[in-house]
Amino acid sequence: MAGKKPNPVDQHVGSRVRLRRMLLGMSQERLGESMGLTFQQVQKYEKGVNRIGASRLFQISKILDVPVQFFFEEAPHVGDGSAVRGMAEPDSEGFILEFLNSREGLELNRAFVKIADPKVRKSVVDLVRALSSNVDGSGN
């Protein structure tokens, strides 16, 4: 099976499983245990390498406390083999999902929403902007 790429919908569903699991602070091990699977199987589901069957997806939706439809929100439409995103801006949407699926992005988001003072929140955003402009050398 070398060279076969995962189906974009399977990858999307898996990324949504990962997103929800991480938002709940649940490990792959814990999700796997609650499903009678190994964490390696959960990894394969999350990467879209293994397709999640209907009954398994229903089980995951109950464990993660979301409706099954959650896993298909913003999913690519596949017809002739090409992913079509409709009128959405795929680059920005993909970037946001990728960011929220990263451990750092999730931790940053969790910490940021706990900041009650709007001035402090603005200062944090300004700091991150300043740090990122130093990285790319543009100064913007």
N, C-alpha and C. Protein backbone atom coordinates (compact mmCIF):
# COMPACT_ATOMS: atom_id res chain seq x y z
N MET A 1 0.82 -1.20 0.00
CA MET A 1 0.00 0.00 0.00
C MET A 1 0.86 1.26 0.00
N ALA A 2 2.13 1.10 -0.22
CA ALA A 2 3.03 2.25 -0.23
C ALA A 2 2.61 3.21 -1.33
N GLY A 3 2.59 4.48 -1.01
CA GLY A 3 2.26 5.50 -1.99
C GLY A 3 0.79 5.88 -2.03
N LYS A 4 -0.08 5.12 -1.44
CA LYS A 4 -1.50 5.45 -1.45
C LYS A 4 -1.76 6.54 -0.43
N LYS A 5 -2.38 7.63 -0.90
CA LYS A 5 -2.66 8.76 -0.01
C LYS A 5 -4.03 8.58 0.65
N PRO A 6 -4.14 9.00 1.91
CA PRO A 6 -5.44 8.92 2.59
C PRO A 6 -6.48 9.80 1.89
N ASN A 7 -7.72 9.38 1.95
CA ASN A 7 -8.82 10.15 1.40
C ASN A 7 -8.93 11.47 2.17
N PRO A 8 -9.13 12.61 1.47
CA PRO A 8 -9.22 13.90 2.15
C PRO A 8 -10.33 13.97 3.20
N VAL A 9 -11.43 13.29 2.97
CA VAL A 9 -12.52 13.30 3.95
C VAL A 9 -12.10 12.52 5.19
N ASP A 10 -11.43 11.38 5.00
CA ASP A 10 -10.94 10.61 6.15
C ASP A 10 -9.93 11.42 6.95
N GLN A 11 -9.07 12.16 6.26
CA GLN A 11 -8.10 13.02 6.94
C GLN A 11 -8.81 14.10 7.73
N HIS A 12 -9.84 14.69 7.12
CA HIS A 12 -10.59 15.77 7.79
C HIS A 12 -11.30 15.24 9.04
N VAL A 13 -12.00 14.11 8.89
CA VAL A 13 -12.71 13.53 10.03
C VAL A 13 -11.72 13.21 11.14
N GLY A 14 -10.59 12.63 10.79
CA GLY A 14 -9.56 12.32 11.78
C GLY A 14 -9.02 13.56 12.47
N SER A 15 -8.83 14.63 11.70
CA SER A 15 -8.33 15.87 12.31
C SER A 15 -9.35 16.47 13.26
N ARG A 16 -10.63 16.29 12.95
CA ARG A 16 -11.69 16.78 13.85
C ARG A 16 -11.76 15.95 15.13
N VAL A 17 -11.50 14.64 15.01
CA VAL A 17 -11.43 13.79 16.20
C VAL A 17 -10.29 14.30 17.09
N ARG A 18 -9.13 14.54 16.46
CA ARG A 18 -7.96 15.01 17.20
C ARG A 18 -8.24 16.36 17.86
N LEU A 19 -8.85 17.28 17.10
CA LEU A 19 -9.17 18.61 17.63
C LEU A 19 -10.05 18.50 18.86
N ARG A 20 -11.12 17.74 18.76
CA ARG A 20 -12.06 17.62 19.89
C ARG A 20 -11.40 16.93 21.08
N ARG A 21 -10.62 15.88 20.80
CA ARG A 21 -9.92 15.18 21.88
C ARG A 21 -8.98 16.12 22.61
N MET A 22 -8.24 16.93 21.86
CA MET A 22 -7.30 17.85 22.47
C MET A 22 -8.02 18.97 23.22
N LEU A 23 -9.14 19.44 22.69
CA LEU A 23 -9.91 20.47 23.39
C LEU A 23 -10.40 19.96 24.74
N LEU A 24 -10.67 18.68 24.82
CA LEU A 24 -11.10 18.08 26.08
C LEU A 24 -9.93 17.72 26.99
N GLY A 25 -8.71 17.84 26.46
CA GLY A 25 -7.54 17.47 27.24
C GLY A 25 -7.40 15.97 27.42
N MET A 26 -7.91 15.22 26.47
CA MET A 26 -7.91 13.76 26.54
C MET A 26 -6.73 13.22 25.74
N SER A 27 -6.05 12.23 26.28
CA SER A 27 -4.93 11.61 25.57
C SER A 27 -5.44 10.59 24.56
N GLN A 28 -4.58 10.26 23.61
CA GLN A 28 -4.92 9.19 22.66
C GLN A 28 -5.10 7.87 23.40
N GLU A 29 -4.30 7.67 24.42
CA GLU A 29 -4.40 6.44 25.21
C GLU A 29 -5.77 6.31 25.86
N ARG A 30 -6.23 7.42 26.45
CA ARG A 30 -7.53 7.40 27.15
C ARG A 30 -8.67 7.17 26.16
N LEU A 31 -8.61 7.85 25.01
CA LEU A 31 -9.65 7.64 24.01
C LEU A 31 -9.64 6.19 23.54
N GLY A 32 -8.44 5.68 23.27
CA GLY A 32 -8.32 4.29 22.83
C GLY A 32 -8.86 3.30 23.85
N GLU A 33 -8.52 3.52 25.12
CA GLU A 33 -9.00 2.63 26.18
C GLU A 33 -10.52 2.63 26.25
N SER A 34 -11.12 3.80 26.12
CA SER A 34 -12.58 3.89 26.22
C SER A 34 -13.27 3.24 25.02
N MET A 35 -12.49 3.01 23.94
CA MET A 35 -13.04 2.37 22.74
C MET A 35 -12.58 0.92 22.60
N GLY A 36 -11.69 0.47 23.50
CA GLY A 36 -11.15 -0.88 23.39
C GLY A 36 -10.09 -0.99 22.30
N LEU A 37 -9.38 0.12 22.05
CA LEU A 37 -8.34 0.16 21.01
C LEU A 37 -7.02 0.62 21.60
N THR A 38 -5.96 0.46 20.83
CA THR A 38 -4.66 0.98 21.24
C THR A 38 -4.55 2.45 20.81
N PHE A 39 -3.62 3.17 21.42
CA PHE A 39 -3.43 4.56 21.02
C PHE A 39 -2.91 4.63 19.59
N GLN A 40 -2.22 3.57 19.13
CA GLN A 40 -1.74 3.56 17.74
C GLN A 40 -2.90 3.57 16.75
N GLN A 41 -3.96 2.85 17.09
CA GLN A 41 -5.14 2.85 16.22
C GLN A 41 -5.78 4.23 16.21
N VAL A 42 -5.84 4.88 17.37
CA VAL A 42 -6.38 6.24 17.44
C VAL A 42 -5.52 7.17 16.57
N GLN A 43 -4.20 7.01 16.62
CA GLN A 43 -3.30 7.82 15.77
C GLN A 43 -3.63 7.63 14.30
N LYS A 44 -3.84 6.39 13.89
CA LYS A 44 -4.16 6.10 12.49
C LYS A 44 -5.49 6.74 12.09
N TYR A 45 -6.47 6.69 12.98
CA TYR A 45 -7.74 7.36 12.71
C TYR A 45 -7.54 8.86 12.56
N GLU A 46 -6.78 9.44 13.48
CA GLU A 46 -6.59 10.89 13.48
C GLU A 46 -5.83 11.38 12.26
N LYS A 47 -4.95 10.58 11.73
CA LYS A 47 -4.19 10.95 10.53
C LYS A 47 -4.94 10.64 9.25
N GLY A 48 -6.05 9.91 9.36
CA GLY A 48 -6.83 9.55 8.18
C GLY A 48 -6.27 8.35 7.45
N VAL A 49 -5.25 7.70 8.03
CA VAL A 49 -4.66 6.51 7.42
C VAL A 49 -5.67 5.38 7.42
N ASN A 50 -6.38 5.21 8.53
CA ASN A 50 -7.46 4.22 8.63
C ASN A 50 -8.79 4.96 8.66
N ARG A 51 -9.71 4.49 7.85
CA ARG A 51 -11.05 5.08 7.79
C ARG A 51 -11.84 4.68 9.03
N ILE A 52 -12.60 5.63 9.56
CA ILE A 52 -13.44 5.36 10.73
C ILE A 52 -14.81 4.92 10.25
N GLY A 53 -15.21 3.72 10.63
CA GLY A 53 -16.52 3.21 10.26
C GLY A 53 -17.64 3.95 10.98
N ALA A 54 -18.84 3.80 10.47
CA ALA A 54 -20.00 4.52 11.01
C ALA A 54 -20.24 4.23 12.48
N SER A 55 -20.24 2.96 12.87
CA SER A 55 -20.51 2.63 14.27
C SER A 55 -19.40 3.13 15.17
N ARG A 56 -18.16 3.09 14.69
CA ARG A 56 -17.02 3.58 15.47
C ARG A 56 -17.10 5.09 15.61
N LEU A 57 -17.49 5.79 14.53
CA LEU A 57 -17.62 7.24 14.59
C LEU A 57 -18.73 7.64 15.56
N PHE A 58 -19.80 6.88 15.57
CA PHE A 58 -20.88 7.13 16.51
C PHE A 58 -20.38 6.96 17.95
N GLN A 59 -19.59 5.91 18.18
CA GLN A 59 -19.01 5.67 19.51
C GLN A 59 -18.09 6.84 19.90
N ILE A 60 -17.26 7.30 18.98
CA ILE A 60 -16.35 8.42 19.26
C ILE A 60 -17.15 9.68 19.58
N SER A 61 -18.24 9.90 18.84
CA SER A 61 -19.05 11.10 19.08
C SER A 61 -19.63 11.09 20.50
N LYS A 62 -20.00 9.93 20.99
CA LYS A 62 -20.54 9.83 22.35
C LYS A 62 -19.43 10.07 23.38
N ILE A 63 -18.26 9.50 23.15
CA ILE A 63 -17.15 9.66 24.09
C ILE A 63 -16.69 11.12 24.14
N LEU A 64 -16.62 11.76 22.97
CA LEU A 64 -16.14 13.14 22.90
C LEU A 64 -17.27 14.17 23.08
N ASP A 65 -18.49 13.68 23.27
CA ASP A 65 -19.66 14.52 23.56
C ASP A 65 -19.92 15.57 22.49
N VAL A 66 -19.94 15.13 21.24
CA VAL A 66 -20.30 15.99 20.11
C VAL A 66 -21.21 15.19 19.17
N PRO A 67 -22.03 15.87 18.40
CA PRO A 67 -22.83 15.14 17.41
C PRO A 67 -21.93 14.62 16.29
N VAL A 68 -22.33 13.56 15.63
CA VAL A 68 -21.54 12.99 14.53
C VAL A 68 -21.24 14.05 13.48
N GLN A 69 -22.17 14.94 13.22
CA GLN A 69 -21.99 15.98 12.21
C GLN A 69 -20.76 16.85 12.48
N PHE A 70 -20.36 16.99 13.74
CA PHE A 70 -19.19 17.78 14.10
C PHE A 70 -17.97 17.37 13.28
N PHE A 71 -17.82 16.07 13.05
CA PHE A 71 -16.64 15.55 12.37
C PHE A 71 -16.63 15.90 10.88
N PHE A 72 -17.78 16.29 10.33
CA PHE A 72 -17.87 16.60 8.90
C PHE A 72 -17.96 18.09 8.62
N GLU A 73 -18.03 18.92 9.67
CA GLU A 73 -18.10 20.36 9.46
C GLU A 73 -16.85 20.82 8.72
N GLU A 74 -17.06 21.63 7.69
CA GLU A 74 -15.96 22.19 6.89
C GLU A 74 -15.21 21.11 6.10
N ALA A 75 -15.81 19.94 5.93
CA ALA A 75 -15.14 18.85 5.20
C ALA A 75 -15.04 19.18 3.72
N PRO A 76 -13.96 18.71 3.09
CA PRO A 76 -13.83 18.92 1.64
C PRO A 76 -14.86 18.08 0.91
N HIS A 77 -15.32 18.58 -0.23
CA HIS A 77 -16.24 17.82 -1.08
C HIS A 77 -15.38 17.12 -2.12
N VAL A 78 -15.57 15.82 -2.25
CA VAL A 78 -14.76 15.06 -3.19
C VAL A 78 -15.69 14.48 -4.24
N GLY A 79 -15.44 14.83 -5.48
CA GLY A 79 -16.25 14.32 -6.58
C GLY A 79 -15.38 13.58 -7.56
N ASP A 80 -14.64 14.33 -8.34
CA ASP A 80 -13.79 13.75 -9.38
C ASP A 80 -12.39 13.46 -8.87
N GLY A 81 -12.24 13.36 -7.56
CA GLY A 81 -10.93 13.08 -6.99
C GLY A 81 -10.23 14.32 -6.49
N SER A 82 -10.79 15.50 -6.76
CA SER A 82 -10.16 16.73 -6.28
C SER A 82 -11.00 17.31 -5.15
N ALA A 83 -10.33 17.82 -4.16
CA ALA A 83 -11.02 18.42 -3.02
C ALA A 83 -11.50 19.81 -3.41
N VAL A 84 -12.76 20.09 -3.13
CA VAL A 84 -13.33 21.39 -3.45
C VAL A 84 -13.87 21.99 -2.16
N ARG A 85 -13.48 23.21 -1.87
CA ARG A 85 -13.87 23.84 -0.61
C ARG A 85 -14.99 24.87 -0.78
N GLY A 86 -15.57 24.97 -1.95
CA GLY A 86 -16.66 25.92 -2.13
C GLY A 86 -16.17 27.35 -2.11
N MET A 87 -16.92 28.24 -1.44
CA MET A 87 -16.60 29.65 -1.42
C MET A 87 -15.65 30.02 -0.28
N ALA A 88 -15.29 29.06 0.56
CA ALA A 88 -14.42 29.34 1.70
C ALA A 88 -13.01 29.67 1.23
N GLU A 89 -12.25 30.30 2.10
CA GLU A 89 -10.86 30.58 1.82
C GLU A 89 -10.04 29.45 2.43
N PRO A 90 -9.66 28.47 1.64
CA PRO A 90 -9.04 27.27 2.18
C PRO A 90 -7.71 27.52 2.89
N ASP A 91 -6.91 28.46 2.43
CA ASP A 91 -5.61 28.68 3.06
C ASP A 91 -5.77 29.15 4.50
N SER A 92 -6.64 30.14 4.74
CA SER A 92 -6.79 30.64 6.10
C SER A 92 -7.50 29.61 6.98
N GLU A 93 -8.48 28.91 6.43
CA GLU A 93 -9.19 27.89 7.20
C GLU A 93 -8.26 26.74 7.58
N GLY A 94 -7.47 26.30 6.64
CA GLY A 94 -6.52 25.22 6.91
C GLY A 94 -5.51 25.63 7.95
N PHE A 95 -5.06 26.87 7.87
CA PHE A 95 -4.08 27.38 8.83
C PHE A 95 -4.67 27.38 10.24
N ILE A 96 -5.91 27.81 10.36
CA ILE A 96 -6.56 27.85 11.68
C ILE A 96 -6.72 26.45 12.26
N LEU A 97 -7.19 25.51 11.44
CA LEU A 97 -7.35 24.14 11.92
C LEU A 97 -6.00 23.52 12.28
N GLU A 98 -5.00 23.79 11.46
CA GLU A 98 -3.66 23.27 11.75
C GLU A 98 -3.13 23.85 13.06
N PHE A 99 -3.35 25.15 13.25
CA PHE A 99 -2.91 25.80 14.48
C PHE A 99 -3.61 25.22 15.70
N LEU A 100 -4.93 25.08 15.62
CA LEU A 100 -5.68 24.54 16.76
C LEU A 100 -5.40 23.07 16.99
N ASN A 101 -4.94 22.36 15.97
CA ASN A 101 -4.59 20.95 16.13
C ASN A 101 -3.20 20.76 16.70
N SER A 102 -2.42 21.83 16.78
CA SER A 102 -1.09 21.71 17.37
C SER A 102 -1.19 21.89 18.88
N ARG A 103 -0.31 21.23 19.59
CA ARG A 103 -0.31 21.35 21.06
C ARG A 103 -0.07 22.80 21.47
N GLU A 104 0.88 23.47 20.81
CA GLU A 104 1.19 24.86 21.16
C GLU A 104 -0.01 25.77 20.90
N GLY A 105 -0.66 25.58 19.76
CA GLY A 105 -1.81 26.40 19.42
C GLY A 105 -2.95 26.23 20.41
N LEU A 106 -3.17 25.00 20.80
CA LEU A 106 -4.23 24.72 21.76
C LEU A 106 -3.90 25.32 23.11
N GLU A 107 -2.65 25.16 23.56
CA GLU A 107 -2.24 25.71 24.86
C GLU A 107 -2.31 27.23 24.84
N LEU A 108 -1.85 27.83 23.74
CA LEU A 108 -1.90 29.29 23.61
C LEU A 108 -3.35 29.78 23.64
N ASN A 109 -4.21 29.10 22.94
CA ASN A 109 -5.63 29.48 22.91
C ASN A 109 -6.26 29.35 24.29
N ARG A 110 -6.00 28.24 24.98
CA ARG A 110 -6.56 28.05 26.32
C ARG A 110 -6.10 29.14 27.29
N ALA A 111 -4.80 29.45 27.24
CA ALA A 111 -4.26 30.47 28.14
C ALA A 111 -4.80 31.85 27.78
N PHE A 112 -4.87 32.13 26.49
CA PHE A 112 -5.30 33.46 26.05
C PHE A 112 -6.74 33.76 26.48
N VAL A 113 -7.64 32.80 26.34
CA VAL A 113 -9.05 33.07 26.68
C VAL A 113 -9.25 33.25 28.19
N LYS A 114 -8.26 32.84 28.99
CA LYS A 114 -8.36 33.04 30.43
C LYS A 114 -7.96 34.45 30.86
N ILE A 115 -7.38 35.23 29.94
CA ILE A 115 -6.99 36.60 30.27
C ILE A 115 -8.24 37.47 30.21
N ALA A 116 -8.63 38.00 31.35
CA ALA A 116 -9.88 38.77 31.43
C ALA A 116 -9.70 40.22 30.96
N ASP A 117 -8.56 40.81 31.22
CA ASP A 117 -8.32 42.22 30.93
C ASP A 117 -8.06 42.43 29.43
N PRO A 118 -8.94 43.19 28.74
CA PRO A 118 -8.75 43.41 27.30
C PRO A 118 -7.42 44.09 26.96
N LYS A 119 -6.93 44.95 27.84
CA LYS A 119 -5.66 45.62 27.58
C LYS A 119 -4.51 44.61 27.59
N VAL A 120 -4.57 43.68 28.51
CA VAL A 120 -3.53 42.64 28.59
C VAL A 120 -3.60 41.75 27.35
N ARG A 121 -4.82 41.41 26.94
CA ARG A 121 -4.99 40.58 25.73
C ARG A 121 -4.41 41.29 24.52
N LYS A 122 -4.67 42.59 24.40
CA LYS A 122 -4.12 43.35 23.28
C LYS A 122 -2.60 43.38 23.35
N SER A 123 -2.06 43.51 24.55
CA SER A 123 -0.60 43.50 24.72
C SER A 123 0.00 42.16 24.29
N VAL A 124 -0.70 41.08 24.59
CA VAL A 124 -0.22 39.76 24.19
C VAL A 124 -0.21 39.65 22.66
N VAL A 125 -1.27 40.10 22.02
CA VAL A 125 -1.34 40.07 20.56
C VAL A 125 -0.22 40.94 19.97
N ASP A 126 -0.01 42.13 20.54
CA ASP A 126 1.06 43.00 20.06
C ASP A 126 2.42 42.34 20.23
N LEU A 127 2.62 41.66 21.35
CA LEU A 127 3.89 40.97 21.60
C LEU A 127 4.12 39.87 20.57
N VAL A 128 3.10 39.07 20.31
CA VAL A 128 3.23 37.98 19.34
C VAL A 128 3.50 38.55 17.95
N ARG A 129 2.81 39.62 17.58
CA ARG A 129 3.07 40.26 16.29
C ARG A 129 4.52 40.74 16.19
N ALA A 130 5.01 41.37 17.26
CA ALA A 130 6.38 41.88 17.27
C ALA A 130 7.38 40.72 17.15
N LEU A 131 7.12 39.64 17.88
CA LEU A 131 8.01 38.48 17.81
C LEU A 131 8.00 37.84 16.41
N SER A 132 6.84 37.77 15.80
CA SER A 132 6.76 37.15 14.48
C SER A 132 7.38 38.03 13.41
N SER A 133 7.34 39.34 13.57
CA SER A 133 7.96 40.21 12.58
C SER A 133 9.47 40.13 12.67
N ASN A 134 10.00 39.83 13.85
CA ASN A 134 11.45 39.64 14.00
C ASN A 134 11.90 38.34 13.33
N VAL A 135 11.02 37.37 13.26
CA VAL A 135 11.36 36.08 12.66
C VAL A 135 11.48 36.19 11.15
N ASP A 136 10.48 36.83 10.53
CA ASP A 136 10.51 36.89 9.06
C ASP A 136 11.32 38.07 8.53
N GLY A 137 11.75 38.95 9.42
CA GLY A 137 12.62 40.06 9.02
C GLY A 137 11.92 41.20 8.32
N SER A 138 10.59 41.14 8.22
CA SER A 138 9.87 42.18 7.49
C SER A 138 9.61 43.40 8.35
N GLY A 139 9.56 43.22 9.65
CA GLY A 139 9.27 44.33 10.55
C GLY A 139 7.81 44.70 10.60
N ASN A 140 6.94 43.94 9.91
CA ASN A 140 5.49 44.21 9.92
C ASN A 140 4.76 43.19 10.73
